[in-house]
Structures are given as structure tokens and as C-alpha cells.
Amino acid sequence: MSGVSQNVDRVHVVFDEPNLVANAGLVTVATLAVRLGIEMLINRTVRLTGRVGGANPGSKILTLVMTLVAGGSHIDHADMLRAGSTRRILPFRVAAPSTLGTFLRSFTFGHVCQLDRVIALLLGRVWALGAGPGRGRLIIDIDSTITEVFGYQKQGAAYGYTRQKGYHPLVAARADTGEILHVRLRKGSSQKGTIRFVEELIARVRRAGAAGEILLRADAGFWSLPLIETLERLDVSYSITVKINRSIRAKVEEIGDDAWVRITYPDGGYAEVASLAYQTGRGQHGFPPRTVRLIVRRTRLVGSQAALWPDWRYHVFVTNRHQPVVTVDREHRHHAVVELAIRDLKEGAGLSHVPSGHFSANGAWLACAVIAHNLIRWTGLLAEPDHPDRLTVARTFRTQLVAVAGRIVNRAGRLILRLPTDWPWAQRFRLILTRLRNLPQLA
């Protein structure tokens, strides 16, 4: 046996150090939470008076949020905040998991809406500190996802079009930062609520300070005339994928060869785009016929792979923008970034699991996951404004800045958090903490 192996076997493990902090980097996110006044805002907005377990919602929500920021995915994981001296670096009273379970079950749909209002108000506060689009352009991507569950005790869970049992939430994300702007938990088989969701979304971002052009992108699951009417009424640009039916295919086949414009495409592929006018509606569902602009992209394989798919493949989307067809198509393809935000919300902020059998409790859990996700993104936006193009990913953020062991030391009445020597991201940690502490305190 080597000397290294013998050293490992000689390590004696004892859990007896009361001054250790397992996730000492939570002090950075906690500092931002204090500057944004989250606990007081929740206490003022979420009114659970008379509900069993509904007292002190601010500290309980923050306990769940910090658990998710630290990598937790279940209510029981909140116990990590109660270990050692972790509670001493957090600016709120940490609740026990059993208390949190009772608290979540006290929510009704109305209380979930109150918590959703907290997300909207926080968005306005953060954008007012300089992280918003201002008069610049705001690109929003909306999509739906499946939060898979197992068992028979999940209220509202059902099999949807993916044949997976779970919930089917709507998600709206800001394209350039990955912030979650709005969410709505739906039953697993539900495809409804898009119009109301979009109306709330646009009103929210404009109240938060978005004063410039708004572009909304979506896939074919959102294509409908009522949505188009709503977006035009709200003066919003849109770029929405359209399902290719018989009528659209016939129009596409009428496009002449001279109308196609070649675009840059990944190696091994060839692509062209074209634009055409298309009349839709036919007076159905109370909407008069209308002419819309369709952008058509056709692609095929080239080179040694061409035999696998020799025919053209078509992708069609509708837009009310008047820019050149190449520009519109390129920006529409970037809609795929919403998948990165959704994946980070699931894998990085605890949405891969919903803990309760109560639908409204899971709606509150979703809101907590959004706050945790956004706090991670906002920490990068507000503390590192000199890196606007840096993509903040929860797992990387947690590895570099949160999951670092520390020890609390009291020196002459001053608390000192001692962190490991030669920590690779120590300089970045200090810079972020300093800049967050320089932010104004919001009431």
C-alpha cells in the first residue's frame, strides 16, 4: 500500500467544529439580498395571516432561496444552513425543514401570485441599479418546459404531449442575461394561459423600466392569431415559429430560385432564406383575415453527409419586423438560448424537483427557484459590470464563489470569515463582495 493511501486511512473524522461554515460564499448573495431589501419586501407583500405556518414569510422564503443557491434541491437540504456557524453569515433567521414544509403548504394560488409580485418588484429594483435595458432593446424568449414528477401524490401533475408525467410551467427569460422575467406553473397537460401570461410579462418589464423596443421570440407551440393580435396591440415586435401546414407549404413551393438568399451556416450544411407575404385567419375565431410576413429558411446537408438527407428541410416563422431577411433570421435562431436559462433554472436552482403534493406549494417552490436563479445572475450583473458578456452559470458560480469552506473568528468583537489560502478565485470573491457592499440599501 502506498504512503498516500496510508495517509488517507489515517484521517480521523469528527464533526465537532462549531465555527466552520460549509458554504461561506453565501455571504455574497446574502449581501445582495440585504441591499435589495428582500426580506422586508416579502413580509410586506406576501400576506399569510391566519394560515398555519404562515408567520415570518420573509425569513422562510430566504431560507429556501439560499438553500437552492447553495445547491439544494429538497426541503431537507435546508439543514445545511443550520450546520456549524453558517447561520452567522446569513442576515435572517434560518428555518427548519419541517417548518418550511408546513409553510409551503399554507400557500394558495393567491399567495403564489403575491410571491410572483415580489419577483416583479425585485426586477424593478435591480434594473433601477443599472442592470436593466433602459431605452435599449429588450429581447425576451418564452418557452414551456416539463418538470417531471413520479408517484400519485402530486396534485395537478399529468401526462402531456411529451408523455412525461409532471407540471408544464411557462417561462420567460431575458435573452442577453438569462434572467427569468416571469413564470407560471401549469398542470402537466395544460396548454392554456399564454395570452394572459404575455400581457402580464410585457406590463411587468415596462413597469420595471424597459423603455425601448421589445422583441418577443417563441417556438411553434405559441403560434396563434390571438397572440399576434395581443402583441401588436401592446406594440411589441415578435418572431414566432409557425407549423408548416398544407397552405403554408404550397406558398413556400411558389418561391422562385432568385428569391432565396444564402446565409452562413455551420460546416456540413447549406442554408438559404426568403421572405413572403401570407394571408392567414380566413375570418375564423372572430379574427379577420390578415397578411403577415413569413420568413422561410431551408437547409440541407452537403459533402459526405448529403446522402443522409438529400432533400431540403424547411423552417418557417412569422414576424412583424421589417429588417432584412438575413438579419431577422439570424436573430430568430438565437431563440435557442432560452434552453440554457431553463436548464440552469432546473439544474442550478432546484427546479429539477418539486417537493410537495400540493399544487400551490409547488408554485411557491417555483417562485423561490426563480429568485435563487436571478440572485445568481444579478450578482454577476451588478458586481461585475465590466464583463457584460460573461455568462453566469449557476454550477460555475457555486463552485467558484459559494462552495468554499470558511471559519468564523471573533477578534476584538469583530467577526472575521477566514477562507482557504490560495483559493483560485479569491480576488474575484473580494471584488464581488466589495462592489455589492457599495450598493445602496433599498427599503
Protein backbone atom coordinates (compact mmCIF):
# COMPACT_ATOMS: atom_id res chain seq x y z
CA MET A 1 0.00 0.00 0.00
CA SER A 2 1.40 3.41 -0.97
CA GLY A 3 2.17 6.14 1.51
CA VAL A 4 -0.64 8.29 0.10
CA SER A 5 -3.21 5.55 0.72
CA GLN A 6 -1.92 5.07 4.25
CA ASN A 7 -2.34 8.78 4.92
CA VAL A 8 -5.96 8.66 3.78
CA ASP A 9 -6.68 5.73 6.06
CA ARG A 10 -5.17 7.59 9.00
CA VAL A 11 -7.58 10.53 8.70
CA HIS A 12 -9.93 10.51 11.66
CA VAL A 13 -13.25 12.27 11.02
CA VAL A 14 -15.01 14.18 13.81
CA PHE A 15 -17.97 16.55 13.40
CA ASP A 16 -17.25 18.84 16.34
CA GLU A 17 -16.20 22.27 14.97
CA PRO A 18 -18.90 24.87 15.72
CA ASN A 19 -17.16 27.75 13.93
CA LEU A 20 -16.99 26.25 10.43
CA VAL A 21 -19.11 27.49 7.51
CA ALA A 22 -19.61 24.93 4.74
CA ASN A 23 -20.83 27.37 2.05
CA ALA A 24 -19.08 30.53 3.12
CA GLY A 25 -19.62 32.15 -0.27
CA LEU A 26 -23.30 32.59 0.55
CA VAL A 27 -22.17 35.84 2.16
CA THR A 28 -22.00 37.39 -1.32
CA VAL A 29 -25.57 36.51 -2.34
CA ALA A 30 -26.80 37.33 1.18
CA THR A 31 -25.22 40.78 0.85
CA LEU A 32 -27.16 41.40 -2.35
CA ALA A 33 -30.36 40.16 -0.68
CA VAL A 34 -29.84 42.72 2.09
CA ARG A 35 -29.17 45.56 -0.36
CA LEU A 36 -32.35 44.70 -2.27
CA GLY A 37 -34.38 44.52 0.95
CA ILE A 38 -35.84 41.14 0.02
CA GLU A 39 -36.94 40.00 3.48
CA MET A 40 -38.83 43.21 4.22
CA LEU A 41 -40.33 43.22 0.73
CA ILE A 42 -41.64 39.66 1.17
CA ASN A 43 -43.07 40.43 4.60
CA ARG A 44 -44.97 43.39 3.15
CA THR A 45 -46.20 41.62 0.02
CA VAL A 46 -46.93 38.01 1.00
CA ARG A 47 -49.80 38.05 3.49
CA LEU A 48 -50.30 34.61 5.05
CA THR A 49 -52.04 35.92 8.15
CA GLY A 50 -54.17 33.22 9.78
CA ARG A 51 -52.61 30.39 7.77
CA VAL A 52 -50.90 27.60 9.72
CA GLY A 53 -47.16 28.11 9.34
CA GLY A 54 -47.59 31.46 7.60
CA ALA A 55 -45.72 33.67 10.09
CA ASN A 56 -42.49 35.43 9.08
CA PRO A 57 -42.63 34.60 5.36
CA GLY A 58 -39.52 36.67 4.58
CA SER A 59 -37.08 34.55 6.56
CA LYS A 60 -38.65 31.29 5.39
CA ILE A 61 -38.55 32.25 1.72
CA LEU A 62 -34.92 33.35 2.08
CA THR A 63 -34.08 30.06 3.79
CA LEU A 64 -35.42 28.20 0.76
CA VAL A 65 -33.72 30.57 -1.67
CA MET A 66 -30.30 30.29 -0.03
CA THR A 67 -30.68 26.51 0.13
CA LEU A 68 -31.23 26.48 -3.62
CA VAL A 69 -28.33 28.87 -4.24
CA ALA A 70 -26.08 26.50 -2.26
CA GLY A 71 -27.12 23.58 -4.46
CA GLY A 72 -30.01 22.10 -2.50
CA SER A 73 -32.91 20.52 -4.33
CA HIS A 74 -35.12 19.24 -1.47
CA ILE A 75 -36.64 20.87 1.59
CA ASP A 76 -34.46 18.70 3.87
CA HIS A 77 -31.37 20.27 2.31
CA ALA A 78 -32.10 23.45 4.27
CA ASP A 79 -30.35 21.77 7.20
CA MET A 80 -27.03 22.66 5.56
CA LEU A 81 -27.71 26.28 6.55
CA ARG A 82 -28.07 25.23 10.18
CA ALA A 83 -24.70 23.46 10.41
CA GLY A 84 -21.73 24.98 12.21
CA SER A 85 -21.71 28.79 12.06
CA THR A 86 -23.44 29.14 8.70
CA ARG A 87 -26.33 30.99 10.31
CA ARG A 88 -23.94 33.71 11.49
CA ILE A 89 -23.21 34.86 7.92
CA LEU A 90 -26.88 34.93 6.89
CA PRO A 91 -28.95 38.08 7.60
CA PHE A 92 -32.15 36.23 8.50
CA ARG A 93 -33.39 33.56 10.85
CA VAL A 94 -32.85 30.14 9.26
CA ALA A 95 -35.97 27.94 9.43
CA ALA A 96 -36.00 24.17 9.98
CA PRO A 97 -37.09 21.87 7.11
CA SER A 98 -40.23 20.76 8.97
CA THR A 99 -41.22 24.42 9.38
CA LEU A 100 -40.61 25.06 5.67
CA GLY A 101 -42.84 22.14 4.65
CA THR A 102 -45.73 23.49 6.72
CA PHE A 103 -45.05 26.97 5.36
CA LEU A 104 -45.24 25.90 1.71
CA ARG A 105 -48.49 24.04 2.31
CA SER A 106 -50.03 27.25 3.66
CA PHE A 107 -49.93 28.82 0.17
CA THR A 108 -52.98 29.21 -2.01
CA PHE A 109 -52.97 30.38 -5.63
CA GLY A 110 -53.50 33.95 -4.44
CA HIS A 111 -50.45 33.76 -2.18
CA VAL A 112 -48.36 32.39 -5.06
CA CYS A 113 -49.41 35.46 -7.06
CA GLN A 114 -48.23 37.63 -4.17
CA LEU A 115 -44.84 35.91 -4.26
CA ASP A 116 -44.78 36.38 -8.02
CA ARG A 117 -45.27 40.10 -7.41
CA VAL A 118 -42.14 40.02 -5.26
CA ILE A 119 -40.21 38.76 -8.30
CA ALA A 120 -41.59 41.66 -10.36
CA LEU A 121 -40.69 44.25 -7.72
CA LEU A 122 -37.17 42.81 -7.36
CA LEU A 123 -36.74 43.04 -11.11
CA GLY A 124 -37.58 46.74 -10.97
CA ARG A 125 -35.15 47.33 -8.11
CA VAL A 126 -32.28 45.56 -9.84
CA TRP A 127 -32.88 47.29 -13.16
CA ALA A 128 -33.00 50.64 -11.37
CA LEU A 129 -29.48 49.91 -10.08
CA GLY A 130 -28.20 49.76 -13.65
CA ALA A 131 -28.75 46.16 -14.76
CA GLY A 132 -31.81 46.85 -16.90
CA PRO A 133 -32.11 47.53 -20.62
CA GLY A 134 -33.23 51.13 -20.10
CA ARG A 135 -34.01 52.64 -23.50
CA GLY A 136 -32.11 49.87 -25.23
CA ARG A 137 -33.59 46.87 -26.91
CA LEU A 138 -35.03 44.07 -24.79
CA ILE A 139 -35.26 40.58 -26.28
CA ILE A 140 -37.49 38.12 -24.43
CA ASP A 141 -37.71 34.41 -25.13
CA ILE A 142 -40.73 32.47 -23.92
CA ASP A 143 -40.99 28.71 -23.76
CA SER A 144 -42.60 25.92 -21.81
CA THR A 145 -40.86 23.04 -20.11
CA ILE A 146 -41.68 19.82 -18.32
CA THR A 147 -40.90 19.39 -14.62
CA GLU A 148 -41.11 15.65 -14.32
CA VAL A 149 -42.53 14.03 -11.16
CA PHE A 150 -43.15 10.47 -10.02
CA GLY A 151 -45.83 8.83 -7.92
CA TYR A 152 -49.51 9.52 -7.49
CA GLN A 153 -49.50 12.21 -4.79
CA LYS A 154 -48.63 15.29 -6.91
CA GLN A 155 -51.71 17.45 -7.28
CA GLY A 156 -52.11 18.72 -10.86
CA ALA A 157 -49.40 16.51 -12.34
CA ALA A 158 -50.42 14.83 -15.58
CA TYR A 159 -49.09 13.39 -18.82
CA GLY A 160 -48.57 16.00 -21.51
CA TYR A 161 -47.54 15.87 -25.15
CA THR A 162 -44.06 14.61 -24.17
CA ARG A 163 -45.66 11.58 -22.45
CA GLN A 164 -43.85 12.51 -19.24
CA LYS A 165 -45.78 12.97 -16.03
CA GLY A 166 -45.21 16.32 -14.38
CA TYR A 167 -46.01 20.02 -14.49
CA HIS A 168 -45.88 22.23 -17.57
CA PRO A 169 -44.70 25.73 -16.49
CA LEU A 170 -44.38 28.74 -18.77
CA VAL A 171 -41.04 30.56 -18.62
CA ALA A 172 -39.98 33.96 -19.97
CA ALA A 173 -36.25 34.75 -19.99
CA ARG A 174 -34.21 37.79 -20.93
CA ALA A 175 -32.02 36.73 -23.85
CA ASP A 176 -28.77 38.57 -23.04
CA THR A 177 -28.59 37.90 -19.28
CA GLY A 178 -30.63 34.75 -18.70
CA GLU A 179 -32.79 36.42 -16.03
CA ILE A 180 -36.18 34.79 -15.54
CA LEU A 181 -38.68 37.59 -16.02
CA HIS A 182 -41.92 35.68 -15.43
CA VAL A 183 -43.06 32.12 -14.71
CA ARG A 184 -46.38 30.40 -14.32
CA LEU A 185 -46.89 26.85 -13.04
CA ARG A 186 -49.48 24.88 -15.03
CA LYS A 187 -50.89 21.41 -14.80
CA GLY A 188 -48.98 18.78 -16.71
CA SER A 189 -51.44 18.55 -19.59
CA SER A 190 -52.23 22.27 -19.82
CA GLN A 191 -51.52 24.32 -22.95
CA LYS A 192 -53.51 27.35 -21.81
CA GLY A 193 -52.76 30.75 -20.34
CA THR A 194 -50.34 32.10 -22.95
CA ILE A 195 -52.22 35.32 -23.74
CA ARG A 196 -52.63 36.33 -20.12
CA PHE A 197 -49.03 35.34 -19.39
CA VAL A 198 -47.70 37.56 -22.20
CA GLU A 199 -49.87 40.51 -21.14
CA GLU A 200 -48.54 40.25 -17.57
CA LEU A 201 -44.98 39.84 -18.87
CA ILE A 202 -44.99 42.97 -21.06
CA ALA A 203 -46.64 45.05 -18.32
CA ARG A 204 -44.03 43.79 -15.85
CA VAL A 205 -40.93 44.66 -17.85
CA ARG A 206 -42.27 48.09 -18.76
CA ARG A 207 -43.02 48.87 -15.13
CA ALA A 208 -39.50 47.69 -14.30
CA GLY A 209 -38.01 50.25 -16.68
CA ALA A 210 -37.83 48.74 -20.18
CA ALA A 211 -38.47 51.87 -22.27
CA GLY A 212 -37.14 50.72 -25.66
CA GLU A 213 -38.14 48.20 -28.28
CA ILE A 214 -39.28 44.80 -27.03
CA LEU A 215 -38.83 41.72 -29.20
CA LEU A 216 -40.56 38.51 -28.16
CA ARG A 217 -39.41 35.17 -29.62
CA ALA A 218 -41.19 31.84 -29.32
CA ASP A 219 -41.45 28.42 -30.92
CA ALA A 220 -44.34 26.88 -32.83
CA GLY A 221 -46.22 25.90 -29.69
CA PHE A 222 -47.12 29.57 -29.15
CA TRP A 223 -48.23 30.44 -32.66
CA SER A 224 -51.82 31.72 -32.74
CA LEU A 225 -53.70 34.69 -34.15
CA PRO A 226 -54.89 35.84 -30.69
CA LEU A 227 -51.25 36.05 -29.56
CA ILE A 228 -50.31 38.04 -32.69
CA GLU A 229 -53.20 40.43 -32.07
CA THR A 230 -52.15 40.83 -28.45
CA LEU A 231 -48.50 41.59 -29.28
CA GLU A 232 -49.42 44.15 -31.92
CA ARG A 233 -51.85 45.81 -29.53
CA LEU A 234 -49.05 46.02 -26.96
CA ASP A 235 -46.65 47.45 -29.59
CA VAL A 236 -44.27 44.51 -29.26
CA SER A 237 -42.14 43.07 -32.07
CA TYR A 238 -42.37 39.31 -32.43
CA SER A 239 -40.67 36.38 -34.12
CA ILE A 240 -42.67 33.16 -33.72
CA THR A 241 -42.16 29.81 -35.40
CA VAL A 242 -45.12 28.55 -37.45
CA LYS A 243 -46.18 24.97 -38.00
CA ILE A 244 -45.99 24.12 -41.69
CA ASN A 245 -49.47 23.15 -42.84
CA ARG A 246 -50.68 22.41 -46.36
CA SER A 247 -51.42 26.07 -47.16
CA ILE A 248 -48.01 27.32 -46.00
CA ARG A 249 -46.20 24.54 -47.81
CA ALA A 250 -47.97 25.49 -51.04
CA LYS A 251 -46.83 29.13 -50.66
CA VAL A 252 -43.26 28.04 -49.91
CA GLU A 253 -43.15 25.94 -53.06
CA GLU A 254 -44.08 29.05 -55.08
CA ILE A 255 -40.90 30.88 -54.05
CA GLY A 256 -38.66 31.36 -57.08
CA ASP A 257 -35.00 30.36 -57.06
CA ASP A 258 -33.91 34.00 -57.41
CA ALA A 259 -35.73 34.95 -54.16
CA TRP A 260 -33.52 32.81 -51.94
CA VAL A 261 -30.56 34.41 -50.14
CA ARG A 262 -27.71 32.24 -48.96
CA ILE A 263 -26.72 32.61 -45.28
CA THR A 264 -23.76 31.50 -43.21
CA TYR A 265 -24.41 28.08 -41.71
CA PRO A 266 -22.37 25.52 -39.72
CA ASP A 267 -19.91 23.28 -41.55
CA GLY A 268 -21.60 20.41 -43.32
CA GLY A 269 -24.76 22.37 -44.04
CA TYR A 270 -26.13 24.73 -46.69
CA ALA A 271 -28.90 27.23 -45.95
CA GLU A 272 -30.93 29.91 -47.71
CA VAL A 273 -33.68 32.27 -46.54
CA ALA A 274 -36.55 34.05 -48.24
CA SER A 275 -39.41 36.33 -47.28
CA LEU A 276 -43.02 36.26 -48.44
CA ALA A 277 -46.43 37.66 -47.60
CA TYR A 278 -49.06 35.22 -46.41
CA GLN A 279 -52.75 35.74 -45.69
CA THR A 280 -53.96 33.88 -42.62
CA GLY A 281 -57.05 33.82 -40.45
CA ARG A 282 -59.78 33.41 -43.07
CA GLY A 283 -62.19 35.06 -40.67
CA GLN A 284 -62.12 32.21 -38.18
CA HIS A 285 -62.47 32.61 -34.38
CA GLY A 286 -63.67 36.19 -34.76
CA PHE A 287 -60.41 37.44 -36.31
CA PRO A 288 -60.49 38.99 -39.79
CA PRO A 289 -58.10 37.71 -42.46
CA ARG A 290 -54.72 39.39 -42.22
CA THR A 291 -51.50 39.42 -44.18
CA VAL A 292 -48.34 38.57 -42.25
CA ARG A 293 -44.67 38.34 -43.16
CA LEU A 294 -43.29 34.81 -43.27
CA ILE A 295 -39.56 34.11 -43.18
CA VAL A 296 -38.62 30.75 -44.66
CA ARG A 297 -35.29 29.05 -44.07
CA ARG A 298 -34.36 25.93 -45.99
CA THR A 299 -31.36 23.77 -45.15
CA ARG A 300 -29.73 20.61 -46.37
CA LEU A 301 -26.57 18.63 -45.77
CA VAL A 302 -23.58 18.89 -48.10
CA GLY A 303 -20.43 16.89 -48.62
CA SER A 304 -20.09 13.32 -47.43
CA GLN A 305 -23.21 13.59 -45.27
CA ALA A 306 -25.54 14.72 -48.05
CA ALA A 307 -26.80 11.20 -48.74
CA LEU A 308 -28.29 11.02 -45.23
CA TRP A 309 -30.78 13.84 -46.01
CA PRO A 310 -30.63 14.93 -49.64
CA ASP A 311 -33.87 16.97 -49.57
CA TRP A 312 -34.46 20.49 -48.30
CA ARG A 313 -35.72 20.93 -44.73
CA TYR A 314 -37.86 23.98 -44.09
CA HIS A 315 -38.31 26.21 -41.04
CA VAL A 316 -40.92 28.99 -41.11
CA PHE A 317 -41.61 31.81 -38.69
CA VAL A 318 -43.84 34.86 -38.68
CA THR A 319 -42.68 38.37 -37.76
CA ASN A 320 -43.83 41.98 -37.88
CA ARG A 321 -40.28 43.30 -38.28
CA HIS A 322 -39.14 44.99 -41.49
CA GLN A 323 -35.38 44.44 -41.28
CA PRO A 324 -33.52 42.49 -44.00
CA VAL A 325 -34.43 38.82 -44.10
CA VAL A 326 -30.90 37.69 -43.18
CA THR A 327 -30.89 39.83 -40.02
CA VAL A 328 -34.34 38.69 -38.93
CA ASP A 329 -33.48 35.02 -39.46
CA ARG A 330 -30.18 35.26 -37.58
CA GLU A 331 -31.83 36.82 -34.54
CA HIS A 332 -34.68 34.31 -34.59
CA ARG A 333 -32.22 31.41 -34.45
CA HIS A 334 -30.83 32.82 -31.21
CA HIS A 335 -34.13 31.94 -29.53
CA ALA A 336 -32.39 28.69 -28.57
CA VAL A 337 -30.63 30.50 -25.68
CA VAL A 338 -33.84 30.14 -23.66
CA GLU A 339 -32.99 26.47 -23.27
CA LEU A 340 -29.81 27.44 -21.42
CA ALA A 341 -31.77 29.57 -18.95
CA ILE A 342 -34.33 26.80 -18.38
CA ARG A 343 -31.59 24.20 -17.91
CA ASP A 344 -29.86 26.45 -15.39
CA LEU A 345 -33.15 27.00 -13.58
CA LYS A 346 -33.58 23.24 -13.29
CA GLU A 347 -30.04 22.08 -12.62
CA GLY A 348 -28.76 25.18 -10.85
CA ALA A 349 -31.74 26.45 -8.86
CA GLY A 350 -33.59 23.34 -7.77
CA LEU A 351 -36.44 23.13 -10.28
CA SER A 352 -35.47 19.59 -11.21
CA HIS A 353 -37.57 18.57 -8.21
CA VAL A 354 -40.87 19.82 -6.81
CA PRO A 355 -41.27 18.77 -3.18
CA SER A 356 -44.95 18.85 -2.33
CA GLY A 357 -48.16 17.07 -3.19
CA HIS A 358 -49.93 20.45 -3.12
CA PHE A 359 -50.08 22.37 -6.39
CA SER A 360 -49.82 25.83 -4.80
CA ALA A 361 -46.92 24.73 -2.60
CA ASN A 362 -45.07 23.73 -5.74
CA GLY A 363 -45.97 27.09 -7.27
CA ALA A 364 -44.27 28.78 -4.30
CA TRP A 365 -41.25 26.47 -4.73
CA LEU A 366 -41.04 27.54 -8.39
CA ALA A 367 -41.04 31.20 -7.34
CA CYS A 368 -38.24 30.51 -4.83
CA ALA A 369 -36.24 28.80 -7.58
CA VAL A 370 -36.67 31.86 -9.81
CA ILE A 371 -35.48 34.20 -7.04
CA ALA A 372 -32.45 31.97 -6.42
CA HIS A 373 -31.67 31.80 -10.14
CA ASN A 374 -31.99 35.57 -10.54
CA LEU A 375 -29.90 36.36 -7.47
CA ILE A 376 -27.05 34.37 -9.01
CA ARG A 377 -27.43 36.24 -12.31
CA TRP A 378 -27.84 39.62 -10.61
CA THR A 379 -24.71 39.10 -8.54
CA GLY A 380 -22.75 38.90 -11.78
CA LEU A 381 -24.60 41.79 -13.44
CA LEU A 382 -24.25 44.22 -10.54
CA ALA A 383 -20.85 43.19 -9.18
CA GLU A 384 -19.08 42.59 -12.49
CA PRO A 385 -20.45 45.21 -14.91
CA ASP A 386 -17.10 45.28 -16.72
CA HIS A 387 -17.87 41.76 -18.02
CA PRO A 388 -21.32 42.22 -19.61
CA ASP A 389 -20.81 39.28 -21.98
CA ARG A 390 -19.82 36.80 -19.25
CA LEU A 391 -22.48 34.13 -18.94
CA THR A 392 -23.24 33.40 -15.30
CA VAL A 393 -23.92 29.69 -14.90
CA ALA A 394 -25.16 28.52 -11.51
CA ARG A 395 -22.88 25.50 -11.27
CA THR A 396 -19.75 27.53 -12.08
CA PHE A 397 -20.83 30.34 -9.77
CA ARG A 398 -21.39 27.87 -6.96
CA THR A 399 -18.05 26.12 -7.47
CA GLN A 400 -16.01 29.31 -7.57
CA LEU A 401 -17.82 31.59 -5.12
CA VAL A 402 -20.26 29.69 -2.88
CA ALA A 403 -18.98 26.20 -2.08
CA VAL A 404 -15.90 27.37 -0.20
CA ALA A 405 -15.28 26.32 3.41
CA GLY A 406 -14.67 29.04 5.96
CA ARG A 407 -14.29 29.60 9.66
CA ILE A 408 -15.81 32.38 11.76
CA VAL A 409 -13.37 34.08 14.13
CA ASN A 410 -14.29 36.75 16.66
CA ARG A 411 -11.38 39.14 17.03
CA ALA A 412 -11.93 42.02 19.47
CA GLY A 413 -15.66 41.99 18.79
CA ARG A 414 -15.21 41.90 15.01
CA LEU A 415 -16.32 38.83 13.06
CA ILE A 416 -13.78 37.60 10.52
CA LEU A 417 -14.57 34.94 7.94
CA ARG A 418 -11.36 33.05 7.28
CA LEU A 419 -11.24 31.30 3.89
CA PRO A 420 -8.70 28.86 2.38
CA THR A 421 -5.25 30.03 1.38
CA ASP A 422 -4.57 30.02 -2.38
CA TRP A 423 -8.26 29.88 -3.31
CA PRO A 424 -8.11 30.30 -7.14
CA TRP A 425 -10.96 32.81 -7.24
CA ALA A 426 -10.11 34.80 -4.12
CA GLN A 427 -9.58 38.07 -5.99
CA ARG A 428 -12.90 37.78 -7.78
CA PHE A 429 -14.61 36.92 -4.49
CA ARG A 430 -13.23 40.08 -2.82
CA LEU A 431 -14.16 42.28 -5.78
CA ILE A 432 -17.74 41.00 -5.91
CA LEU A 433 -18.26 41.35 -2.17
CA THR A 434 -16.83 44.88 -2.14
CA ARG A 435 -19.00 46.06 -5.03
CA LEU A 436 -22.14 44.52 -3.55
CA ARG A 437 -21.48 46.23 -0.23
CA ASN A 438 -21.18 49.55 -2.06
CA LEU A 439 -24.70 49.26 -3.49
CA PRO A 440 -27.34 51.48 -1.86
CA GLN A 441 -29.60 49.95 0.75
CA LEU A 442 -33.18 49.68 -0.60
CA ALA A 443 -36.10 49.70 1.80
